[in-house]
Amino acid sequence: MSYGLGAYKKTSIHTASKEQILLMLYQAAIKNCKKAIESIEAKDIAKKGEYIGKLQDIVIELNNSLDFEIGGDVAQELSSLYDYILFASTQANIKIEAEPLNGCLQVLGTLYEGWNDAIKGLRKENATKKEASSGA
């Protein structure tokens, strides 16, 4: 990676909102999951382990960031999904099979789409509120 690209990525992370960081984490998890599947198909065992490790690190971080006091049932459900991803990706790593990762990819994709839609909805709602308050 060139210095300029690395500096750009670092700056974009430091200036991102919490919502943007959440989406970035999901994007990285999805990317690493796909790369792990590709590595299994290519029979590149070392890369498979590397990508699954990165995927699991991200999922652990997402799980650790849950606030069960505020999030309640939603946080519990997310934690259960993260546990599933960790279990399935571990099975994929041990058995050297892509199938469990396909399930992880499906869950991660659904969560990403859900969060992305929710964030867009909040932004739209906030913009509408700003317009209403400035026009009064």
Protein backbone atom coordinates (compact mmCIF):
# COMPACT_ATOMS: atom_id res chain seq x y z
CA MET A 1 0.00 0.00 0.00
CA SER A 2 1.38 3.39 -0.95
CA TYR A 3 1.95 5.99 1.74
CA GLY A 4 -0.71 8.30 0.29
CA LEU A 5 -3.40 5.63 0.29
CA GLY A 6 -2.48 4.55 3.83
CA ALA A 7 -2.62 8.14 5.07
CA TYR A 8 -5.96 8.67 3.32
CA LYS A 9 -7.45 5.54 4.91
CA LYS A 10 -6.17 6.55 8.35
CA THR A 11 -7.63 10.05 8.00
CA SER A 12 -10.97 8.73 6.75
CA ILE A 13 -11.25 6.47 9.80
CA HIS A 14 -10.31 9.24 12.24
CA THR A 15 -12.83 11.66 10.73
CA ALA A 16 -15.67 9.15 10.27
CA SER A 17 -18.83 9.22 12.35
CA LYS A 18 -19.74 6.26 14.56
CA GLU A 19 -22.26 5.20 11.95
CA GLN A 20 -19.67 5.31 9.15
CA ILE A 21 -17.23 3.29 11.26
CA LEU A 22 -19.91 0.67 11.90
CA LEU A 23 -20.53 0.34 8.15
CA MET A 24 -16.77 0.21 7.48
CA LEU A 25 -16.45 -2.65 9.96
CA TYR A 26 -19.23 -4.58 8.26
CA GLN A 27 -17.66 -3.93 4.84
CA ALA A 28 -14.30 -5.21 6.09
CA ALA A 29 -15.91 -8.29 7.65
CA ILE A 30 -17.73 -9.05 4.39
CA LYS A 31 -14.53 -8.55 2.38
CA ASN A 32 -12.51 -10.87 4.64
CA CYS A 33 -15.27 -13.48 4.60
CA LYS A 34 -15.29 -13.46 0.78
CA LYS A 35 -11.50 -13.67 0.67
CA ALA A 36 -11.56 -16.62 3.09
CA ILE A 37 -14.04 -18.41 0.81
CA GLU A 38 -11.81 -17.70 -2.21
CA SER A 39 -8.78 -18.98 -0.29
CA ILE A 40 -10.55 -22.23 0.60
CA GLU A 41 -11.55 -22.71 -3.03
CA ALA A 42 -7.94 -22.03 -4.09
CA LYS A 43 -6.70 -24.42 -1.37
CA ASP A 44 -4.56 -21.64 0.12
CA ILE A 45 -4.73 -22.74 3.75
CA ALA A 46 -2.49 -19.99 5.12
CA LYS A 47 -4.54 -17.20 3.54
CA LYS A 48 -7.78 -18.90 4.66
CA GLY A 49 -6.61 -18.72 8.28
CA GLU A 50 -5.46 -15.13 7.89
CA TYR A 51 -8.78 -13.92 6.46
CA ILE A 52 -10.89 -15.89 8.94
CA GLY A 53 -8.77 -14.42 11.75
CA LYS A 54 -9.41 -10.89 10.49
CA LEU A 55 -13.13 -11.64 10.11
CA GLN A 56 -13.29 -12.93 13.67
CA ASP A 57 -11.36 -9.95 15.05
CA ILE A 58 -13.92 -7.60 13.50
CA VAL A 59 -16.89 -9.62 14.76
CA ILE A 60 -15.40 -9.74 18.27
CA GLU A 61 -14.97 -5.95 18.14
CA LEU A 62 -18.59 -5.51 17.00
CA ASN A 63 -19.76 -7.79 19.80
CA ASN A 64 -17.65 -6.00 22.42
CA SER A 65 -19.11 -2.64 21.37
CA LEU A 66 -22.71 -3.69 22.10
CA ASP A 67 -24.41 -1.83 24.94
CA PHE A 68 -26.88 -4.27 26.47
CA GLU A 69 -28.28 -1.64 28.84
CA ILE A 70 -29.31 0.68 26.03
CA GLY A 71 -29.75 -1.90 23.25
CA GLY A 72 -31.78 -4.44 25.24
CA ASP A 73 -33.25 -7.19 23.06
CA VAL A 74 -31.66 -5.84 19.89
CA ALA A 75 -28.20 -6.05 21.46
CA GLN A 76 -28.95 -9.60 22.63
CA GLU A 77 -30.03 -10.62 19.11
CA LEU A 78 -26.95 -9.04 17.55
CA SER A 79 -24.74 -10.81 20.09
CA SER A 80 -26.36 -14.12 19.15
CA LEU A 81 -25.72 -13.45 15.46
CA TYR A 82 -22.10 -12.54 16.17
CA ASP A 83 -21.73 -15.78 18.19
CA TYR A 84 -23.11 -17.70 15.21
CA ILE A 85 -20.59 -16.03 12.87
CA LEU A 86 -17.72 -16.85 15.24
CA PHE A 87 -18.84 -20.47 15.57
CA ALA A 88 -19.46 -20.97 11.84
CA SER A 89 -16.18 -19.32 10.81
CA THR A 90 -14.31 -21.49 13.31
CA GLN A 91 -15.95 -24.58 11.79
CA ALA A 92 -14.97 -23.38 8.31
CA ASN A 93 -11.40 -22.89 9.51
CA ILE A 94 -11.15 -26.32 11.16
CA LYS A 95 -12.92 -28.30 8.42
CA ILE A 96 -11.50 -26.21 5.56
CA GLU A 97 -15.00 -25.81 4.11
CA ALA A 98 -16.50 -22.72 2.53
CA GLU A 99 -20.14 -23.57 3.30
CA PRO A 100 -20.18 -22.23 6.89
CA LEU A 101 -18.66 -18.98 5.59
CA ASN A 102 -21.48 -18.64 3.07
CA GLY A 103 -23.87 -18.50 6.04
CA CYS A 104 -21.68 -15.88 7.71
CA LEU A 105 -21.65 -13.86 4.52
CA GLN A 106 -25.43 -13.95 4.31
CA VAL A 107 -25.83 -12.76 7.93
CA LEU A 108 -23.21 -10.03 7.51
CA GLY A 109 -24.82 -8.83 4.28
CA THR A 110 -28.25 -8.65 5.91
CA LEU A 111 -26.88 -6.77 8.91
CA TYR A 112 -24.97 -4.35 6.69
CA GLU A 113 -28.07 -3.60 4.59
CA GLY A 114 -30.17 -3.14 7.73
CA TRP A 115 -27.73 -0.74 9.36
CA ASN A 116 -27.18 1.13 6.09
CA ASP A 117 -30.94 1.61 5.64
CA ALA A 118 -31.38 2.66 9.28
CA ILE A 119 -28.57 5.21 9.02
CA LYS A 120 -29.99 6.64 5.78
CA GLY A 121 -33.39 6.89 7.46
CA LEU A 122 -31.93 8.75 10.44
CA ARG A 123 -30.05 11.17 8.19
CA LYS A 124 -33.21 11.85 6.21
CA GLU A 125 -35.19 12.37 9.41
CA ASN A 126 -32.55 14.74 10.83
CA ALA A 127 -32.44 16.71 7.57
CA THR A 128 -36.23 17.05 7.62
CA LYS A 129 -36.12 18.26 11.23
CA LYS A 130 -33.41 20.84 10.38
CA GLU A 131 -35.43 22.14 7.45
CA ALA A 132 -38.56 22.41 9.60
CA SER A 133 -36.77 24.24 12.42
CA SER A 134 -34.94 26.67 10.10
CA GLY A 135 -38.10 27.45 8.17
CA ALA A 136 -40.09 28.34 11.32
